[in-house]
Amino acid sequence: MARLAALAASLVLGVAAPALATDTVAPVREVMQVTESNWSEVASAPEELFTADRLERLFSRSFRDLYARAMQDEFAREAGTPFDYDPIVDAQDGCPLENLTITPKPAEDGKAVVVARFQFQSCSGEGPESQAYSETWFEMVDEDGRAVIDDIVVPYEAGGANSTKAVLADIAASQPN
């Protein structure tokens, strides 16, 4: 009811009602810049994507909570990350990212999706597989008036998808209480 009243007030006052927040693309752009840099041919040591600063600025509270719980895992403590792969490209090996596009989709039920599309296997050969595009979906939510990443999902051609939050939840669930 409050949302309806706010929408009505915005129409009367001539003010646009907020859809999801301000900019859903900016957090994804920052994540993809780090990812591109990490996979570039000139990258020295990979830059940590999930720094305390980025987690606080770019990710939702629920994502941060799962990440913190997953970091209690022995592997995560030793490696400095709960992942043994890059969750943005869903791989351990690959090529520099090429032809990256970042496209926001309309918000539905308080969530928006921003799609990063790129070629990631072009250095691995000449066949159609090496020229295929990959996608990563960033599920965005509004927290405190700003768009933040709530999940990172990599869809599979054959169906299904890999949810970073689901991976973090599995790691966190394996920890003794």
C-alpha atoms as a PDB file:
ATOM      1  CA  MET A   1       0.000   0.000   0.000  1.00  0.00           C
ATOM      2  CA  ALA A   2       2.851   2.367   0.839  1.00  0.00           C
ATOM      3  CA  ARG A   3       4.413   1.725  -2.585  1.00  0.00           C
ATOM      4  CA  LEU A   4       1.126   2.535  -4.284  1.00  0.00           C
ATOM      5  CA  ALA A   5       0.866   5.771  -2.309  1.00  0.00           C
ATOM      6  CA  ALA A   6       4.444   6.688  -3.217  1.00  0.00           C
ATOM      7  CA  LEU A   7       3.751   5.987  -6.884  1.00  0.00           C
ATOM      8  CA  ALA A   8       0.571   8.059  -6.792  1.00  0.00           C
ATOM      9  CA  ALA A   9       2.402  10.910  -5.062  1.00  0.00           C
ATOM     10  CA  SER A  10       5.188  10.791  -7.620  1.00  0.00           C
ATOM     11  CA  LEU A  11       2.669  10.997 -10.449  1.00  0.00           C
ATOM     12  CA  VAL A  12       0.878  13.936  -8.831  1.00  0.00           C
ATOM     13  CA  LEU A  13       4.144  15.750  -8.135  1.00  0.00           C
ATOM     14  CA  GLY A  14       5.571  14.859 -11.540  1.00  0.00           C
ATOM     15  CA  VAL A  15       8.488  12.967 -10.026  1.00  0.00           C
ATOM     16  CA  ALA A  16       9.589   9.665 -11.518  1.00  0.00           C
ATOM     17  CA  ALA A  17       9.143   6.677  -9.231  1.00  0.00           C
ATOM     18  CA  PRO A  18      12.367   4.763  -8.577  1.00  0.00           C
ATOM     19  CA  ALA A  19      12.580   1.455 -10.415  1.00  0.00           C
ATOM     20  CA  LEU A  20      15.432  -0.270  -8.615  1.00  0.00           C
ATOM     21  CA  ALA A  21      17.961   2.352  -7.610  1.00  0.00           C
ATOM     22  CA  THR A  22      20.146   4.601  -9.570  1.00  0.00           C
ATOM     23  CA  ASP A  23      22.689   2.717 -11.629  1.00  0.00           C
ATOM     24  CA  THR A  24      22.614  -1.070 -11.868  1.00  0.00           C
ATOM     25  CA  VAL A  25      25.468  -1.163 -14.380  1.00  0.00           C
ATOM     26  CA  ALA A  26      28.211   0.596 -12.357  1.00  0.00           C
ATOM     27  CA  PRO A  27      28.837  -2.247  -9.855  1.00  0.00           C
ATOM     28  CA  VAL A  28      28.916  -4.799 -12.675  1.00  0.00           C
ATOM     29  CA  ARG A  29      31.248  -2.621 -14.722  1.00  0.00           C
ATOM     30  CA  GLU A  30      33.706  -2.476 -11.800  1.00  0.00           C
ATOM     31  CA  VAL A  31      33.578  -6.256 -11.313  1.00  0.00           C
ATOM     32  CA  MET A  32      34.096  -6.845 -15.026  1.00  0.00           C
ATOM     33  CA  GLN A  33      37.034  -4.397 -15.162  1.00  0.00           C
ATOM     34  CA  VAL A  34      38.800  -6.422 -12.465  1.00  0.00           C
ATOM     35  CA  THR A  35      37.890  -9.658 -14.245  1.00  0.00           C
ATOM     36  CA  GLU A  36      39.147  -8.389 -17.610  1.00  0.00           C
ATOM     37  CA  SER A  37      42.387  -7.263 -16.012  1.00  0.00           C
ATOM     38  CA  ASN A  38      42.860 -10.597 -14.239  1.00  0.00           C
ATOM     39  CA  TRP A  39      42.450 -12.535 -17.485  1.00  0.00           C
ATOM     40  CA  SER A  40      44.502 -10.195 -19.689  1.00  0.00           C
ATOM     41  CA  GLU A  41      47.737 -11.396 -21.229  1.00  0.00           C
ATOM     42  CA  VAL A  42      49.702  -8.705 -19.372  1.00  0.00           C
ATOM     43  CA  ALA A  43      48.247  -9.390 -15.929  1.00  0.00           C
ATOM     44  CA  SER A  44      50.921 -10.103 -13.379  1.00  0.00           C
ATOM     45  CA  ALA A  45      49.334 -11.267 -10.140  1.00  0.00           C
ATOM     46  CA  PRO A  46      45.544 -11.436 -10.161  1.00  0.00           C
ATOM     47  CA  GLU A  47      43.763  -8.660  -8.303  1.00  0.00           C
ATOM     48  CA  GLU A  48      41.447  -9.917  -5.568  1.00  0.00           C
ATOM     49  CA  LEU A  49      37.882  -9.212  -6.630  1.00  0.00           C
ATOM     50  CA  PHE A  50      36.238  -9.785  -3.257  1.00  0.00           C
ATOM     51  CA  THR A  51      38.147  -7.233  -1.190  1.00  0.00           C
ATOM     52  CA  ALA A  52      36.533  -5.884   1.979  1.00  0.00           C
ATOM     53  CA  ASP A  53      35.982  -2.556   0.221  1.00  0.00           C
ATOM     54  CA  ARG A  54      34.325  -4.073  -2.851  1.00  0.00           C
ATOM     55  CA  LEU A  55      32.216  -6.453  -0.791  1.00  0.00           C
ATOM     56  CA  GLU A  56      30.898  -3.498   1.220  1.00  0.00           C
ATOM     57  CA  ARG A  57      30.304  -1.194  -1.766  1.00  0.00           C
ATOM     58  CA  LEU A  58      29.169  -3.557  -4.507  1.00  0.00           C
ATOM     59  CA  PHE A  59      27.497  -6.567  -2.881  1.00  0.00           C
ATOM     60  CA  SER A  60      24.291  -7.134  -0.908  1.00  0.00           C
ATOM     61  CA  ARG A  61      24.211  -7.851   2.807  1.00  0.00           C
ATOM     62  CA  SER A  62      23.091 -11.435   2.182  1.00  0.00           C
ATOM     63  CA  PHE A  63      25.957 -12.003  -0.276  1.00  0.00           C
ATOM     64  CA  ARG A  64      28.461 -10.514   2.199  1.00  0.00           C
ATOM     65  CA  ASP A  65      27.095 -12.689   5.007  1.00  0.00           C
ATOM     66  CA  LEU A  66      27.426 -15.884   2.953  1.00  0.00           C
ATOM     67  CA  TYR A  67      30.901 -14.861   1.814  1.00  0.00           C
ATOM     68  CA  ALA A  68      32.032 -14.240   5.424  1.00  0.00           C
ATOM     69  CA  ARG A  69      30.637 -17.600   6.539  1.00  0.00           C
ATOM     70  CA  ALA A  70      32.278 -19.405   3.598  1.00  0.00           C
ATOM     71  CA  MET A  71      35.606 -17.771   4.478  1.00  0.00           C
ATOM     72  CA  GLN A  72      35.599 -19.834   7.697  1.00  0.00           C
ATOM     73  CA  ASP A  73      36.310 -22.925   5.583  1.00  0.00           C
ATOM     74  CA  GLU A  74      39.858 -24.270   5.974  1.00  0.00           C
ATOM     75  CA  PHE A  75      40.557 -24.041   2.230  1.00  0.00           C
ATOM     76  CA  ALA A  76      39.247 -20.464   2.134  1.00  0.00           C
ATOM     77  CA  ARG A  77      41.378 -19.399   5.093  1.00  0.00           C
ATOM     78  CA  GLU A  78      44.499 -20.871   3.482  1.00  0.00           C
ATOM     79  CA  ALA A  79      43.773 -19.672  -0.065  1.00  0.00           C
ATOM     80  CA  GLY A  80      42.331 -16.293   0.920  1.00  0.00           C
ATOM     81  CA  THR A  81      39.174 -17.059  -1.067  1.00  0.00           C
ATOM     82  CA  PRO A  82      36.413 -19.665  -0.870  1.00  0.00           C
ATOM     83  CA  PHE A  83      36.672 -20.283  -4.626  1.00  0.00           C
ATOM     84  CA  ASP A  84      39.070 -22.539  -6.500  1.00  0.00           C
ATOM     85  CA  TYR A  85      37.933 -20.954  -9.778  1.00  0.00           C
ATOM     86  CA  ASP A  86      36.870 -17.546 -11.060  1.00  0.00           C
ATOM     87  CA  PRO A  87      33.122 -17.313 -10.307  1.00  0.00           C
ATOM     88  CA  ILE A  88      32.634 -14.504 -12.833  1.00  0.00           C
ATOM     89  CA  VAL A  89      33.681 -16.633 -15.810  1.00  0.00           C
ATOM     90  CA  ASP A  90      33.014 -19.962 -14.040  1.00  0.00           C
ATOM     91  CA  ALA A  91      36.435 -21.343 -14.972  1.00  0.00           C
ATOM     92  CA  GLN A  92      39.985 -21.946 -13.807  1.00  0.00           C
ATOM     93  CA  ASP A  93      41.517 -21.605 -17.263  1.00  0.00           C
ATOM     94  CA  GLY A  94      40.663 -19.434 -20.211  1.00  0.00           C
ATOM     95  CA  CYS A  95      41.709 -16.623 -22.475  1.00  0.00           C
ATOM     96  CA  PRO A  96      41.565 -12.858 -22.204  1.00  0.00           C
ATOM     97  CA  LEU A  97      37.984 -11.617 -22.326  1.00  0.00           C
ATOM     98  CA  GLU A  98      37.002 -10.171 -25.697  1.00  0.00           C
ATOM     99  CA  ASN A  99      33.995  -8.273 -27.015  1.00  0.00           C
ATOM    100  CA  LEU A 100      32.563  -7.571 -23.563  1.00  0.00           C
ATOM    101  CA  THR A 101      29.133  -5.979 -23.403  1.00  0.00           C
ATOM    102  CA  ILE A 102      27.194  -5.106 -20.258  1.00  0.00           C
ATOM    103  CA  THR A 103      23.429  -4.846 -20.652  1.00  0.00           C
ATOM    104  CA  PRO A 104      20.832  -4.093 -17.963  1.00  0.00           C
ATOM    105  CA  LYS A 105      17.492  -5.869 -18.092  1.00  0.00           C
ATOM    106  CA  PRO A 106      14.251  -4.413 -16.664  1.00  0.00           C
ATOM    107  CA  ALA A 107      13.639  -4.948 -12.950  1.00  0.00           C
ATOM    108  CA  GLU A 108      11.046  -7.518 -11.879  1.00  0.00           C
ATOM    109  CA  ASP A 109       9.904  -8.168  -8.309  1.00  0.00           C
ATOM    110  CA  GLY A 110      12.520  -5.824  -6.869  1.00  0.00           C
ATOM    111  CA  LYS A 111      15.400  -7.453  -8.725  1.00  0.00           C
ATOM    112  CA  ALA A 112      17.119  -6.461 -11.904  1.00  0.00           C
ATOM    113  CA  VAL A 113      19.561  -8.482 -13.943  1.00  0.00           C
ATOM    114  CA  VAL A 114      22.622  -7.056 -15.646  1.00  0.00           C
ATOM    115  CA  VAL A 115      24.112  -9.363 -18.270  1.00  0.00           C
ATOM    116  CA  ALA A 116      27.830  -9.400 -19.055  1.00  0.00           C
ATOM    117  CA  ARG A 117      28.437 -11.116 -22.395  1.00  0.00           C
ATOM    118  CA  PHE A 118      31.921 -11.906 -23.671  1.00  0.00           C
ATOM    119  CA  GLN A 119      34.131 -14.293 -25.600  1.00  0.00           C
ATOM    120  CA  PHE A 120      36.427 -16.236 -23.301  1.00  0.00           C
ATOM    121  CA  GLN A 121      37.884 -19.118 -25.325  1.00  0.00           C
ATOM    122  CA  SER A 122      39.063 -17.417 -28.521  1.00  0.00           C
ATOM    123  CA  CYS A 123      42.750 -18.206 -27.882  1.00  0.00           C
ATOM    124  CA  SER A 124      42.038 -21.924 -27.595  1.00  0.00           C
ATOM    125  CA  GLY A 125      41.500 -22.749 -31.238  1.00  0.00           C
ATOM    126  CA  GLU A 126      39.673 -22.010 -34.434  1.00  0.00           C
ATOM    127  CA  GLY A 127      36.464 -24.013 -34.050  1.00  0.00           C
ATOM    128  CA  PRO A 128      33.035 -22.626 -33.229  1.00  0.00           C
ATOM    129  CA  GLU A 129      33.506 -23.368 -29.518  1.00  0.00           C
ATOM    130  CA  SER A 130      36.425 -20.955 -29.369  1.00  0.00           C
ATOM    131  CA  GLN A 131      34.288 -18.177 -30.835  1.00  0.00           C
ATOM    132  CA  ALA A 132      31.247 -18.809 -28.630  1.00  0.00           C
ATOM    133  CA  TYR A 133      29.991 -16.156 -26.259  1.00  0.00           C
ATOM    134  CA  SER A 134      29.604 -16.691 -22.536  1.00  0.00           C
ATOM    135  CA  GLU A 135      27.230 -14.817 -20.257  1.00  0.00           C
ATOM    136  CA  THR A 136      27.283 -13.969 -16.599  1.00  0.00           C
ATOM    137  CA  TRP A 137      24.120 -12.642 -14.989  1.00  0.00           C
ATOM    138  CA  PHE A 138      24.388 -10.249 -12.082  1.00  0.00           C
ATOM    139  CA  GLU A 139      21.209 -10.207  -9.997  1.00  0.00           C
ATOM    140  CA  MET A 140      20.856  -6.723  -8.556  1.00  0.00           C
ATOM    141  CA  VAL A 141      18.842  -5.501  -5.574  1.00  0.00           C
ATOM    142  CA  ASP A 142      18.302  -2.114  -3.996  1.00  0.00           C
ATOM    143  CA  GLU A 143      19.829  -1.629  -0.551  1.00  0.00           C
ATOM    144  CA  ASP A 144      19.766   1.765   1.089  1.00  0.00           C
ATOM    145  CA  GLY A 145      18.964   3.474  -2.200  1.00  0.00           C
ATOM    146  CA  ARG A 146      21.770   1.944  -4.231  1.00  0.00           C
ATOM    147  CA  ALA A 147      21.991  -0.996  -6.582  1.00  0.00           C
ATOM    148  CA  VAL A 148      24.164  -3.848  -5.311  1.00  0.00           C
ATOM    149  CA  ILE A 149      24.980  -7.319  -6.610  1.00  0.00           C
ATOM    150  CA  ASP A 150      22.948 -10.003  -4.846  1.00  0.00           C
ATOM    151  CA  ASP A 151      24.132 -12.990  -6.878  1.00  0.00           C
ATOM    152  CA  ILE A 152      26.388 -13.893  -9.781  1.00  0.00           C
ATOM    153  CA  VAL A 153      24.855 -16.564 -12.003  1.00  0.00           C
ATOM    154  CA  VAL A 154      26.464 -18.327 -14.948  1.00  0.00           C
ATOM    155  CA  PRO A 155      23.844 -20.048 -17.122  1.00  0.00           C
ATOM    156  CA  TYR A 156      24.727 -23.263 -18.934  1.00  0.00           C
ATOM    157  CA  GLU A 157      23.811 -23.942 -22.563  1.00  0.00           C
ATOM    158  CA  ALA A 158      22.351 -27.325 -21.666  1.00  0.00           C
ATOM    159  CA  GLY A 159      20.187 -25.757 -18.954  1.00  0.00           C
ATOM    160  CA  GLY A 160      20.752 -24.993 -15.329  1.00  0.00           C
ATOM    161  CA  ALA A 161      23.137 -22.431 -13.924  1.00  0.00           C
ATOM    162  CA  ASN A 162      25.871 -21.911 -11.369  1.00  0.00           C
ATOM    163  CA  SER A 163      24.853 -19.490  -8.615  1.00  0.00           C
ATOM    164  CA  THR A 164      27.717 -17.985  -6.633  1.00  0.00           C
ATOM    165  CA  LYS A 165      25.436 -17.556  -3.609  1.00  0.00           C
ATOM    166  CA  ALA A 166      24.485 -21.240  -3.774  1.00  0.00           C
ATOM    167  CA  VAL A 167      28.182 -22.185  -3.882  1.00  0.00           C
ATOM    168  CA  LEU A 168      28.889 -19.922  -0.894  1.00  0.00           C
ATOM    169  CA  ALA A 169      25.902 -21.378   0.978  1.00  0.00           C
ATOM    170  CA  ASP A 170      27.172 -24.926   0.359  1.00  0.00           C
ATOM    171  CA  ILE A 171      30.630 -24.020   1.642  1.00  0.00           C
ATOM    172  CA  ALA A 172      29.173 -22.212   4.663  1.00  0.00           C
ATOM    173  CA  ALA A 173      26.858 -25.157   5.450  1.00  0.00           C
ATOM    174  CA  SER A 174      29.826 -27.511   5.578  1.00  0.00           C
ATOM    175  CA  GLN A 175      31.305 -25.586   8.511  1.00  0.00           C
ATOM    176  CA  PRO A 176      30.774 -26.823  12.070  1.00  0.00           C
ATOM    177  CA  ASN A 177      28.658 -24.429  14.108  1.00  0.00           C
END
